[in-house]
Structures are given as structure tokens and as C-alpha cells.
Amino acid sequence: NTLMIQDMLADPEWADVLTDEDKRALTPLFWVHIQPYGE
């Protein structure tokens, strides 16, 4: 998740979109991209 966030922040498209408050709120503790059922 940390690598994915770093990849997203390196994209110039996001440079003007995220404020300093938005960046402070980023966390790698998410799991919405994980399949909850199955292998």
C-alpha cells in the first residue's frame, strides 16, 4: 500500500489536486483492494 501511495504521489496529475491536509491524511492502512472472500 505504501508503494502504491508513493507511486500515486509521484504522478504530476496529483500534484495540484492534493492539499497538504490531504497528504497528511494518507495512510497505508487500507484494504478496499483486497478480496474479502476466496483465495
PDB file of all heavy atoms in Angstrom:
ATOM      1  N   ASN A   1       0.828  -1.206   0.000  1.00  0.00           N
ATOM      2  CA  ASN A   1       0.000   0.000   0.000  1.00  0.00           C
ATOM      3  C   ASN A   1       0.864   1.259   0.000  1.00  0.00           C
ATOM      4  O   ASN A   1       0.558   2.238  -0.681  1.00  0.00           O
ATOM      5  CB  ASN A   1      -0.942   0.014   1.203  1.00  0.00           C
ATOM      6  CG  ASN A   1      -2.047  -1.003   1.091  1.00  0.00           C
ATOM      7  OD1 ASN A   1      -2.263  -1.602   0.039  1.00  0.00           O
ATOM      8  ND2 ASN A   1      -2.757  -1.209   2.181  1.00  0.00           N
ATOM      9  N   THR A   2       1.950   1.237   0.769  1.00  0.00           N
ATOM     10  CA  THR A   2       2.864   2.378   0.803  1.00  0.00           C
ATOM     11  C   THR A   2       3.479   2.615  -0.572  1.00  0.00           C
ATOM     12  O   THR A   2       3.572   3.763  -1.025  1.00  0.00           O
ATOM     13  CB  THR A   2       3.974   2.149   1.848  1.00  0.00           C
ATOM     14  OG1 THR A   2       3.358   1.962   3.127  1.00  0.00           O
ATOM     15  CG2 THR A   2       4.931   3.324   1.912  1.00  0.00           C
ATOM     16  N   LEU A   3       3.885   1.547  -1.243  1.00  0.00           N
ATOM     17  CA  LEU A   3       4.433   1.694  -2.593  1.00  0.00           C
ATOM     18  C   LEU A   3       3.397   2.264  -3.559  1.00  0.00           C
ATOM     19  O   LEU A   3       3.723   3.112  -4.400  1.00  0.00           O
ATOM     20  CB  LEU A   3       4.942   0.348  -3.108  1.00  0.00           C
ATOM     21  CG  LEU A   3       6.150  -0.239  -2.400  1.00  0.00           C
ATOM     22  CD1 LEU A   3       6.484  -1.612  -2.965  1.00  0.00           C
ATOM     23  CD2 LEU A   3       7.346   0.691  -2.519  1.00  0.00           C
ATOM     24  N   MET A   4       2.148   1.833  -3.432  1.00  0.00           N
ATOM     25  CA  MET A   4       1.098   2.353  -4.315  1.00  0.00           C
ATOM     26  C   MET A   4       0.842   3.836  -4.038  1.00  0.00           C
ATOM     27  O   MET A   4       0.638   4.619  -4.970  1.00  0.00           O
ATOM     28  CB  MET A   4      -0.183   1.539  -4.157  1.00  0.00           C
ATOM     29  CG  MET A   4      -0.064   0.142  -4.694  1.00  0.00           C
ATOM     30  SD  MET A   4      -1.584  -0.826  -4.819  1.00  0.00           S
ATOM     31  CE  MET A   4      -2.501  -0.425  -3.372  1.00  0.00           C
ATOM     32  N   ILE A   5       0.863   4.241  -2.782  1.00  0.00           N
ATOM     33  CA  ILE A   5       0.677   5.656  -2.441  1.00  0.00           C
ATOM     34  C   ILE A   5       1.831   6.480  -2.988  1.00  0.00           C
ATOM     35  O   ILE A   5       1.632   7.557  -3.563  1.00  0.00           O
ATOM     36  CB  ILE A   5       0.534   5.843  -0.915  1.00  0.00           C
ATOM     37  CG1 ILE A   5      -0.796   5.272  -0.447  1.00  0.00           C
ATOM     38  CG2 ILE A   5       0.634   7.316  -0.533  1.00  0.00           C
ATOM     39  CD1 ILE A   5      -0.947   5.218   1.059  1.00  0.00           C
ATOM     40  N   GLN A   6       3.062   6.000  -2.831  1.00  0.00           N
ATOM     41  CA  GLN A   6       4.218   6.714  -3.368  1.00  0.00           C
ATOM     42  C   GLN A   6       4.125   6.857  -4.877  1.00  0.00           C
ATOM     43  O   GLN A   6       4.433   7.899  -5.437  1.00  0.00           O
ATOM     44  CB  GLN A   6       5.516   5.987  -3.004  1.00  0.00           C
ATOM     45  CG  GLN A   6       5.898   6.119  -1.564  1.00  0.00           C
ATOM     46  CD  GLN A   6       7.146   5.316  -1.235  1.00  0.00           C
ATOM     47  OE1 GLN A   6       7.621   4.503  -2.011  1.00  0.00           O
ATOM     48  NE2 GLN A   6       7.677   5.542  -0.053  1.00  0.00           N
ATOM     49  N   ASP A   7       3.671   5.804  -5.534  1.00  0.00           N
ATOM     50  CA  ASP A   7       3.506   5.826  -6.985  1.00  0.00           C
ATOM     51  C   ASP A   7       2.468   6.869  -7.389  1.00  0.00           C
ATOM     52  O   ASP A   7       2.657   7.626  -8.344  1.00  0.00           O
ATOM     53  CB  ASP A   7       3.108   4.434  -7.473  1.00  0.00           C
ATOM     54  CG  ASP A   7       3.273   4.262  -8.962  1.00  0.00           C
ATOM     55  OD1 ASP A   7       4.216   4.861  -9.524  1.00  0.00           O
ATOM     56  OD2 ASP A   7       2.486   3.518  -9.562  1.00  0.00           O
ATOM     57  N   MET A   8       1.387   6.928  -6.649  1.00  0.00           N
ATOM     58  CA  MET A   8       0.340   7.900  -6.936  1.00  0.00           C
ATOM     59  C   MET A   8       0.825   9.327  -6.694  1.00  0.00           C
ATOM     60  O   MET A   8       0.567  10.225  -7.483  1.00  0.00           O
ATOM     61  CB  MET A   8      -0.889   7.589  -6.068  1.00  0.00           C
ATOM     62  CG  MET A   8      -2.109   8.444  -6.352  1.00  0.00           C
ATOM     63  SD  MET A   8      -2.349   9.902  -5.312  1.00  0.00           S
ATOM     64  CE  MET A   8      -2.087   9.333  -3.683  1.00  0.00           C
ATOM     65  N   LEU A   9       1.560   9.549  -5.614  1.00  0.00           N
ATOM     66  CA  LEU A   9       2.058  10.894  -5.300  1.00  0.00           C
ATOM     67  C   LEU A   9       3.127  11.361  -6.285  1.00  0.00           C
ATOM     68  O   LEU A   9       3.319  12.560  -6.465  1.00  0.00           O
ATOM     69  CB  LEU A   9       2.606  10.934  -3.875  1.00  0.00           C
ATOM     70  CG  LEU A   9       1.556  10.834  -2.774  1.00  0.00           C
ATOM     71  CD1 LEU A   9       2.238  10.766  -1.407  1.00  0.00           C
ATOM     72  CD2 LEU A   9       0.577  11.986  -2.842  1.00  0.00           C
ATOM     73  N   ALA A  10       3.807  10.427  -6.929  1.00  0.00           N
ATOM     74  CA  ALA A  10       4.833  10.798  -7.913  1.00  0.00           C
ATOM     75  C   ALA A  10       4.211  11.239  -9.235  1.00  0.00           C
ATOM     76  O   ALA A  10       4.877  11.865 -10.053  1.00  0.00           O
ATOM     77  CB  ALA A  10       5.775   9.618  -8.155  1.00  0.00           C
ATOM     78  N   ASP A  11       2.930  10.948  -9.423  1.00  0.00           N
ATOM     79  CA  ASP A  11       2.229  11.336 -10.652  1.00  0.00           C
ATOM     80  C   ASP A  11       1.973  12.839 -10.622  1.00  0.00           C
ATOM     81  O   ASP A  11       1.324  13.342  -9.702  1.00  0.00           O
ATOM     82  CB  ASP A  11       0.916  10.566 -10.743  1.00  0.00           C
ATOM     83  CG  ASP A  11       0.206  10.749 -12.065  1.00  0.00           C
ATOM     84  OD1 ASP A  11       0.680  11.561 -12.890  1.00  0.00           O
ATOM     85  OD2 ASP A  11      -0.825  10.080 -12.279  1.00  0.00           O
ATOM     86  N   PRO A  12       2.455  13.587 -11.626  1.00  0.00           N
ATOM     87  CA  PRO A  12       2.268  15.041 -11.636  1.00  0.00           C
ATOM     88  C   PRO A  12       0.796  15.461 -11.639  1.00  0.00           C
ATOM     89  O   PRO A  12       0.455  16.556 -11.210  1.00  0.00           O
ATOM     90  CB  PRO A  12       2.949  15.496 -12.919  1.00  0.00           C
ATOM     91  CG  PRO A  12       3.781  14.362 -13.377  1.00  0.00           C
ATOM     92  CD  PRO A  12       3.241  13.125 -12.756  1.00  0.00           C
ATOM     93  N   GLU A  13      -0.090  14.591 -12.109  1.00  0.00           N
ATOM     94  CA  GLU A  13      -1.516  14.896 -12.123  1.00  0.00           C
ATOM     95  C   GLU A  13      -2.042  15.178 -10.721  1.00  0.00           C
ATOM     96  O   GLU A  13      -2.949  15.987 -10.542  1.00  0.00           O
ATOM     97  CB  GLU A  13      -2.282  13.701 -12.700  1.00  0.00           C
ATOM     98  CG  GLU A  13      -3.050  14.004 -13.941  1.00  0.00           C
ATOM     99  CD  GLU A  13      -3.746  12.766 -14.443  1.00  0.00           C
ATOM    100  OE1 GLU A  13      -4.745  12.341 -13.825  1.00  0.00           O
ATOM    101  OE2 GLU A  13      -3.270  12.219 -15.437  1.00  0.00           O
ATOM    102  N   TRP A  14      -1.498  14.505  -9.738  1.00  0.00           N
ATOM    103  CA  TRP A  14      -1.977  14.653  -8.369  1.00  0.00           C
ATOM    104  C   TRP A  14      -1.310  15.798  -7.628  1.00  0.00           C
ATOM    105  O   TRP A  14      -1.727  16.155  -6.526  1.00  0.00           O
ATOM    106  CB  TRP A  14      -1.759  13.363  -7.584  1.00  0.00           C
ATOM    107  CG  TRP A  14      -2.701  12.290  -7.989  1.00  0.00           C
ATOM    108  CD1 TRP A  14      -2.480  11.302  -8.897  1.00  0.00           C
ATOM    109  CD2 TRP A  14      -4.034  12.113  -7.520  1.00  0.00           C
ATOM    110  NE1 TRP A  14      -3.580  10.513  -9.023  1.00  0.00           N
ATOM    111  CE2 TRP A  14      -4.563  10.985  -8.185  1.00  0.00           C
ATOM    112  CE3 TRP A  14      -4.830  12.780  -6.609  1.00  0.00           C
ATOM    113  CZ2 TRP A  14      -5.850  10.528  -7.956  1.00  0.00           C
ATOM    114  CZ3 TRP A  14      -6.114  12.318  -6.376  1.00  0.00           C
ATOM    115  CH2 TRP A  14      -6.604  11.209  -7.052  1.00  0.00           C
ATOM    116  N   ALA A  15      -0.275  16.403  -8.201  1.00  0.00           N
ATOM    117  CA  ALA A  15       0.480  17.456  -7.512  1.00  0.00           C
ATOM    118  C   ALA A  15      -0.414  18.635  -7.139  1.00  0.00           C
ATOM    119  O   ALA A  15      -0.282  19.206  -6.053  1.00  0.00           O
ATOM    120  CB  ALA A  15       1.645  17.909  -8.367  1.00  0.00           C
ATOM    121  N   ASP A  16      -1.326  19.025  -8.024  1.00  0.00           N
ATOM    122  CA  ASP A  16      -2.177  20.181  -7.758  1.00  0.00           C
ATOM    123  C   ASP A  16      -3.509  19.797  -7.120  1.00  0.00           C
ATOM    124  O   ASP A  16      -4.250  20.658  -6.665  1.00  0.00           O
ATOM    125  CB  ASP A  16      -2.449  20.938  -9.060  1.00  0.00           C
ATOM    126  CG  ASP A  16      -1.178  21.506  -9.666  1.00  0.00           C
ATOM    127  OD1 ASP A  16      -0.254  21.829  -8.882  1.00  0.00           O
ATOM    128  OD2 ASP A  16      -1.093  21.599 -10.901  1.00  0.00           O
ATOM    129  N   VAL A  17      -3.830  18.521  -7.091  1.00  0.00           N
ATOM    130  CA  VAL A  17      -5.122  18.078  -6.571  1.00  0.00           C
ATOM    131  C   VAL A  17      -5.099  17.948  -5.052  1.00  0.00           C
ATOM    132  O   VAL A  17      -6.020  18.389  -4.372  1.00  0.00           O
ATOM    133  CB  VAL A  17      -5.525  16.732  -7.216  1.00  0.00           C
ATOM    134  CG1 VAL A  17      -6.808  16.206  -6.609  1.00  0.00           C
ATOM    135  CG2 VAL A  17      -5.663  16.891  -8.721  1.00  0.00           C
ATOM    136  N   LEU A  18      -4.048  17.346  -4.517  1.00  0.00           N
ATOM    137  CA  LEU A  18      -3.985  17.096  -3.073  1.00  0.00           C
ATOM    138  C   LEU A  18      -3.410  18.304  -2.333  1.00  0.00           C
ATOM    139  O   LEU A  18      -2.365  18.832  -2.696  1.00  0.00           O
ATOM    140  CB  LEU A  18      -3.120  15.877  -2.784  1.00  0.00           C
ATOM    141  CG  LEU A  18      -3.642  14.544  -3.302  1.00  0.00           C
ATOM    142  CD1 LEU A  18      -2.633  13.452  -3.032  1.00  0.00           C
ATOM    143  CD2 LEU A  18      -4.975  14.200  -2.689  1.00  0.00           C
ATOM    144  N   THR A  19      -4.100  18.702  -1.280  1.00  0.00           N
ATOM    145  CA  THR A  19      -3.590  19.762  -0.423  1.00  0.00           C
ATOM    146  C   THR A  19      -2.669  19.146   0.629  1.00  0.00           C
ATOM    147  O   THR A  19      -2.571  17.920   0.751  1.00  0.00           O
ATOM    148  CB  THR A  19      -4.753  20.495   0.287  1.00  0.00           C
ATOM    149  OG1 THR A  19      -5.385  19.572   1.178  1.00  0.00           O
ATOM    150  CG2 THR A  19      -5.757  21.038  -0.722  1.00  0.00           C
ATOM    151  N   ASP A  20      -2.022  19.993   1.409  1.00  0.00           N
ATOM    152  CA  ASP A  20      -1.167  19.492   2.484  1.00  0.00           C
ATOM    153  C   ASP A  20      -1.980  18.686   3.500  1.00  0.00           C
ATOM    154  O   ASP A  20      -1.511  17.673   4.018  1.00  0.00           O
ATOM    155  CB  ASP A  20      -0.444  20.635   3.193  1.00  0.00           C
ATOM    156  CG  ASP A  20       0.658  21.236   2.333  1.00  0.00           C
ATOM    157  OD1 ASP A  20       1.117  20.544   1.394  1.00  0.00           O
ATOM    158  OD2 ASP A  20       1.055  22.389   2.608  1.00  0.00           O
ATOM    159  N   GLU A  21      -3.220  19.119   3.764  1.00  0.00           N
ATOM    160  CA  GLU A  21      -4.085  18.383   4.687  1.00  0.00           C
ATOM    161  C   GLU A  21      -4.424  17.005   4.129  1.00  0.00           C
ATOM    162  O   GLU A  21      -4.459  16.017   4.866  1.00  0.00           O
ATOM    163  CB  GLU A  21      -5.365  19.164   4.969  1.00  0.00           C
ATOM    164  CG  GLU A  21      -5.153  20.358   5.862  1.00  0.00           C
ATOM    165  CD  GLU A  21      -6.452  21.077   6.157  1.00  0.00           C
ATOM    166  OE1 GLU A  21      -7.537  20.482   5.971  1.00  0.00           O
ATOM    167  OE2 GLU A  21      -6.383  22.235   6.583  1.00  0.00           O
ATOM    168  N   ASP A  22      -4.672  16.948   2.814  1.00  0.00           N
ATOM    169  CA  ASP A  22      -4.956  15.660   2.180  1.00  0.00           C
ATOM    170  C   ASP A  22      -3.767  14.717   2.318  1.00  0.00           C
ATOM    171  O   ASP A  22      -3.922  13.539   2.628  1.00  0.00           O
ATOM    172  CB  ASP A  22      -5.281  15.833   0.695  1.00  0.00           C
ATOM    173  CG  ASP A  22      -6.578  16.577   0.456  1.00  0.00           C
ATOM    174  OD1 ASP A  22      -7.467  16.505   1.320  1.00  0.00           O
ATOM    175  OD2 ASP A  22      -6.688  17.235  -0.600  1.00  0.00           O
ATOM    176  N   LYS A  23      -2.583  15.234   2.091  1.00  0.00           N
ATOM    177  CA  LYS A  23      -1.376  14.405   2.169  1.00  0.00           C
ATOM    178  C   LYS A  23      -1.137  13.915   3.591  1.00  0.00           C
ATOM    179  O   LYS A  23      -0.698  12.788   3.800  1.00  0.00           O
ATOM    180  CB  LYS A  23      -0.165  15.171   1.656  1.00  0.00           C
ATOM    181  CG  LYS A  23      -0.219  15.407   0.161  1.00  0.00           C
ATOM    182  CD  LYS A  23       0.950  16.237  -0.310  1.00  0.00           C
ATOM    183  CE  LYS A  23       0.813  16.550  -1.789  1.00  0.00           C
ATOM    184  NZ  LYS A  23       1.867  17.452  -2.254  1.00  0.00           N
ATOM    185  N   ARG A  24      -1.444  14.760   4.577  1.00  0.00           N
ATOM    186  CA  ARG A  24      -1.277  14.337   5.971  1.00  0.00           C
ATOM    187  C   ARG A  24      -2.267  13.235   6.342  1.00  0.00           C
ATOM    188  O   ARG A  24      -2.015  12.438   7.230  1.00  0.00           O
ATOM    189  CB  ARG A  24      -1.454  15.524   6.919  1.00  0.00           C
ATOM    190  CG  ARG A  24      -0.247  16.424   7.011  1.00  0.00           C
ATOM    191  CD  ARG A  24      -0.348  17.359   8.210  1.00  0.00           C
ATOM    192  NE  ARG A  24      -1.503  18.219   8.166  1.00  0.00           N
ATOM    193  CZ  ARG A  24      -1.536  19.436   7.624  1.00  0.00           C
ATOM    194  NH1 ARG A  24      -0.450  19.928   7.068  1.00  0.00           N
ATOM    195  NH2 ARG A  24      -2.634  20.160   7.643  1.00  0.00           N
ATOM    196  N   ALA A  25      -3.387  13.189   5.662  1.00  0.00           N
ATOM    197  CA  ALA A  25      -4.420  12.195   5.977  1.00  0.00           C
ATOM    198  C   ALA A  25      -4.177  10.850   5.289  1.00  0.00           C
ATOM    199  O   ALA A  25      -4.874   9.885   5.589  1.00  0.00           O
ATOM    200  CB  ALA A  25      -5.793  12.733   5.580  1.00  0.00           C
ATOM    201  N   LEU A  26      -3.208  10.762   4.394  1.00  0.00           N
ATOM    202  CA  LEU A  26      -2.932   9.499   3.707  1.00  0.00           C
ATOM    203  C   LEU A  26      -2.401   8.465   4.690  1.00  0.00           C
ATOM    204  O   LEU A  26      -1.600   8.775   5.568  1.00  0.00           O
ATOM    205  CB  LEU A  26      -1.915   9.707   2.586  1.00  0.00           C
ATOM    206  CG  LEU A  26      -2.407  10.470   1.372  1.00  0.00           C
ATOM    207  CD1 LEU A  26      -1.254  10.707   0.392  1.00  0.00           C
ATOM    208  CD2 LEU A  26      -3.533   9.734   0.683  1.00  0.00           C
ATOM    209  N   THR A  27      -2.839   7.244   4.530  1.00  0.00           N
ATOM    210  CA  THR A  27      -2.376   6.149   5.372  1.00  0.00           C
ATOM    211  C   THR A  27      -2.295   4.868   4.545  1.00  0.00           C
ATOM    212  O   THR A  27      -3.140   4.659   3.666  1.00  0.00           O
ATOM    213  CB  THR A  27      -3.304   5.939   6.586  1.00  0.00           C
ATOM    214  OG1 THR A  27      -2.833   4.826   7.332  1.00  0.00           O
ATOM    215  CG2 THR A  27      -4.738   5.703   6.170  1.00  0.00           C
ATOM    216  N   PRO A  28      -1.312   4.033   4.808  1.00  0.00           N
ATOM    217  CA  PRO A  28      -1.239   2.753   4.092  1.00  0.00           C
ATOM    218  C   PRO A  28      -2.098   1.670   4.743  1.00  0.00           C
ATOM    219  O   PRO A  28      -2.043   0.518   4.355  1.00  0.00           O
ATOM    220  CB  PRO A  28       0.245   2.398   4.186  1.00  0.00           C
ATOM    221  CG  PRO A  28       0.687   3.020   5.454  1.00  0.00           C
ATOM    222  CD  PRO A  28      -0.110   4.287   5.589  1.00  0.00           C
ATOM    223  N   LEU A  29      -2.908   2.038   5.724  1.00  0.00           N
ATOM    224  CA  LEU A  29      -3.727   1.056   6.447  1.00  0.00           C
ATOM    225  C   LEU A  29      -5.115   0.951   5.819  1.00  0.00           C
ATOM    226  O   LEU A  29      -6.130   1.254   6.448  1.00  0.00           O
ATOM    227  CB  LEU A  29      -3.839   1.453   7.925  1.00  0.00           C
ATOM    228  CG  LEU A  29      -2.509   1.599   8.659  1.00  0.00           C
ATOM    229  CD1 LEU A  29      -2.743   2.092  10.081  1.00  0.00           C
ATOM    230  CD2 LEU A  29      -1.757   0.293   8.647  1.00  0.00           C
ATOM    231  N   PHE A  30      -5.170   0.526   4.572  1.00  0.00           N
ATOM    232  CA  PHE A  30      -6.451   0.313   3.912  1.00  0.00           C
ATOM    233  C   PHE A  30      -6.449  -1.053   3.249  1.00  0.00           C
ATOM    234  O   PHE A  30      -5.407  -1.623   2.977  1.00  0.00           O
ATOM    235  CB  PHE A  30      -6.758   1.419   2.892  1.00  0.00           C
ATOM    236  CG  PHE A  30      -5.752   1.553   1.792  1.00  0.00           C
ATOM    237  CD1 PHE A  30      -5.877   0.834   0.619  1.00  0.00           C
ATOM    238  CD2 PHE A  30      -4.663   2.407   1.913  1.00  0.00           C
ATOM    239  CE1 PHE A  30      -4.951   0.958  -0.407  1.00  0.00           C
ATOM    240  CE2 PHE A  30      -3.747   2.540   0.900  1.00  0.00           C
ATOM    241  CZ  PHE A  30      -3.884   1.810  -0.261  1.00  0.00           C
ATOM    242  N   TRP A  31      -7.658  -1.568   3.015  1.00  0.00           N
ATOM    243  CA  TRP A  31      -7.743  -2.903   2.438  1.00  0.00           C
ATOM    244  C   TRP A  31      -8.899  -3.027   1.453  1.00  0.00           C
ATOM    245  O   TRP A  31      -9.370  -4.131   1.175  1.00  0.00           O
ATOM    246  CB  TRP A  31      -7.849  -3.964   3.527  1.00  0.00           C
ATOM    247  CG  TRP A  31      -8.866  -3.666   4.580  1.00  0.00           C
ATOM    248  CD1 TRP A  31      -8.641  -2.985   5.748  1.00  0.00           C
ATOM    249  CD2 TRP A  31     -10.242  -4.000   4.587  1.00  0.00           C
ATOM    250  NE1 TRP A  31      -9.789  -2.882   6.472  1.00  0.00           N
ATOM    251  CE2 TRP A  31     -10.813  -3.510   5.772  1.00  0.00           C
ATOM    252  CE3 TRP A  31     -11.079  -4.671   3.711  1.00  0.00           C
ATOM    253  CZ2 TRP A  31     -12.138  -3.651   6.106  1.00  0.00           C
ATOM    254  CZ3 TRP A  31     -12.412  -4.821   4.039  1.00  0.00           C
ATOM    255  CH2 TRP A  31     -12.932  -4.319   5.220  1.00  0.00           C
ATOM    256  N   VAL A  32      -9.366  -1.910   0.885  1.00  0.00           N
ATOM    257  CA  VAL A  32     -10.503  -1.967  -0.040  1.00  0.00           C
ATOM    258  C   VAL A  32     -10.166  -2.711  -1.328  1.00  0.00           C
ATOM    259  O   VAL A  32     -11.067  -3.170  -2.028  1.00  0.00           O
ATOM    260  CB  VAL A  32     -11.029  -0.554  -0.374  1.00  0.00           C
ATOM    261  CG1 VAL A  32     -11.597   0.101   0.861  1.00  0.00           C
ATOM    262  CG2 VAL A  32      -9.953   0.310  -1.000  1.00  0.00           C
ATOM    263  N   HIS A  33      -8.897  -2.865  -1.644  1.00  0.00           N
ATOM    264  CA  HIS A  33      -8.492  -3.566  -2.857  1.00  0.00           C
ATOM    265  C   HIS A  33      -8.258  -5.063  -2.621  1.00  0.00           C
ATOM    266  O   HIS A  33      -7.849  -5.778  -3.516  1.00  0.00           O
ATOM    267  CB  HIS A  33      -7.238  -2.924  -3.444  1.00  0.00           C
ATOM    268  CG  HIS A  33      -6.076  -2.913  -2.491  1.00  0.00           C
ATOM    269  ND1 HIS A  33      -6.112  -2.239  -1.298  1.00  0.00           N
ATOM    270  CD2 HIS A  33      -4.868  -3.485  -2.555  1.00  0.00           C
ATOM    271  CE1 HIS A  33      -4.971  -2.395  -0.672  1.00  0.00           C
ATOM    272  NE2 HIS A  33      -4.196  -3.162  -1.413  1.00  0.00           N
ATOM    273  N   ILE A  34      -8.553  -5.537  -1.432  1.00  0.00           N
ATOM    274  CA  ILE A  34      -8.367  -6.937  -1.083  1.00  0.00           C
ATOM    275  C   ILE A  34      -9.689  -7.678  -1.262  1.00  0.00           C
ATOM    276  O   ILE A  34     -10.741  -7.188  -0.857  1.00  0.00           O
ATOM    277  CB  ILE A  34      -7.897  -7.074   0.389  1.00  0.00           C
ATOM    278  CG1 ILE A  34      -6.597  -6.323   0.606  1.00  0.00           C
ATOM    279  CG2 ILE A  34      -7.779  -8.523   0.797  1.00  0.00           C
ATOM    280  CD1 ILE A  34      -5.440  -6.857  -0.183  1.00  0.00           C
ATOM    281  N   GLN A  35      -9.633  -8.875  -1.838  1.00  0.00           N
ATOM    282  CA  GLN A  35     -10.829  -9.703  -1.951  1.00  0.00           C
ATOM    283  C   GLN A  35     -11.176 -10.262  -0.579  1.00  0.00           C
ATOM    284  O   GLN A  35     -10.380 -10.999   0.006  1.00  0.00           O
ATOM    285  CB  GLN A  35     -10.579 -10.878  -2.889  1.00  0.00           C
ATOM    286  CG  GLN A  35     -10.630 -10.570  -4.336  1.00  0.00           C
ATOM    287  CD  GLN A  35     -10.499 -11.864  -5.142  1.00  0.00           C
ATOM    288  OE1 GLN A  35      -9.839 -12.806  -4.724  1.00  0.00           O
ATOM    289  NE2 GLN A  35     -11.132 -11.885  -6.285  1.00  0.00           N
ATOM    290  N   PRO A  36     -12.343  -9.937  -0.054  1.00  0.00           N
ATOM    291  CA  PRO A  36     -12.666 -10.430   1.284  1.00  0.00           C
ATOM    292  C   PRO A  36     -13.010 -11.919   1.332  1.00  0.00           C
ATOM    293  O   PRO A  36     -12.940 -12.521   2.377  1.00  0.00           O
ATOM    294  CB  PRO A  36     -13.864  -9.578   1.708  1.00  0.00           C
ATOM    295  CG  PRO A  36     -14.457  -9.088   0.451  1.00  0.00           C
ATOM    296  CD  PRO A  36     -13.353  -9.021  -0.557  1.00  0.00           C
ATOM    297  N   TYR A  37     -13.380 -12.504   0.206  1.00  0.00           N
ATOM    298  CA  TYR A  37     -13.769 -13.909   0.201  1.00  0.00           C
ATOM    299  C   TYR A  37     -12.977 -14.641  -0.864  1.00  0.00           C
ATOM    300  O   TYR A  37     -12.779 -14.141  -1.959  1.00  0.00           O
ATOM    301  CB  TYR A  37     -15.263 -14.054  -0.063  1.00  0.00           C
ATOM    302  CG  TYR A  37     -16.086 -13.247   0.898  1.00  0.00           C
ATOM    303  CD1 TYR A  37     -16.690 -12.071   0.496  1.00  0.00           C
ATOM    304  CD2 TYR A  37     -16.206 -13.641   2.218  1.00  0.00           C
ATOM    305  CE1 TYR A  37     -17.428 -11.307   1.395  1.00  0.00           C
ATOM    306  CE2 TYR A  37     -16.934 -12.892   3.118  1.00  0.00           C
ATOM    307  CZ  TYR A  37     -17.541 -11.730   2.701  1.00  0.00           C
ATOM    308  OH  TYR A  37     -18.252 -10.981   3.594  1.00  0.00           O
ATOM    309  N   GLY A  38     -12.514 -15.816  -0.557  1.00  0.00           N
ATOM    310  CA  GLY A  38     -11.794 -16.613  -1.531  1.00  0.00           C
ATOM    311  C   GLY A  38     -10.295 -16.551  -1.315  1.00  0.00           C
ATOM    312  O   GLY A  38      -9.794 -15.869  -0.430  1.00  0.00           O
ATOM    313  N   GLU A  39      -9.597 -17.260  -2.151  1.00  0.00           N
ATOM    314  CA  GLU A  39      -8.147 -17.337  -2.057  1.00  0.00           C
ATOM    315  C   GLU A  39      -7.500 -16.331  -2.992  1.00  0.00           C
ATOM    316  O   GLU A  39      -8.049 -15.998  -4.027  1.00  0.00           O
ATOM    317  CB  GLU A  39      -7.663 -18.734  -2.450  1.00  0.00           C
ATOM    318  CG  GLU A  39      -8.042 -19.808  -1.479  1.00  0.00           C
ATOM    319  CD  GLU A  39      -7.497 -21.158  -1.885  1.00  0.00           C
ATOM    320  OE1 GLU A  39      -6.742 -21.226  -2.873  1.00  0.00           O
ATOM    321  OE2 GLU A  39      -7.840 -22.135  -1.231  1.00  0.00           O
TER     322      GLU A  39
END
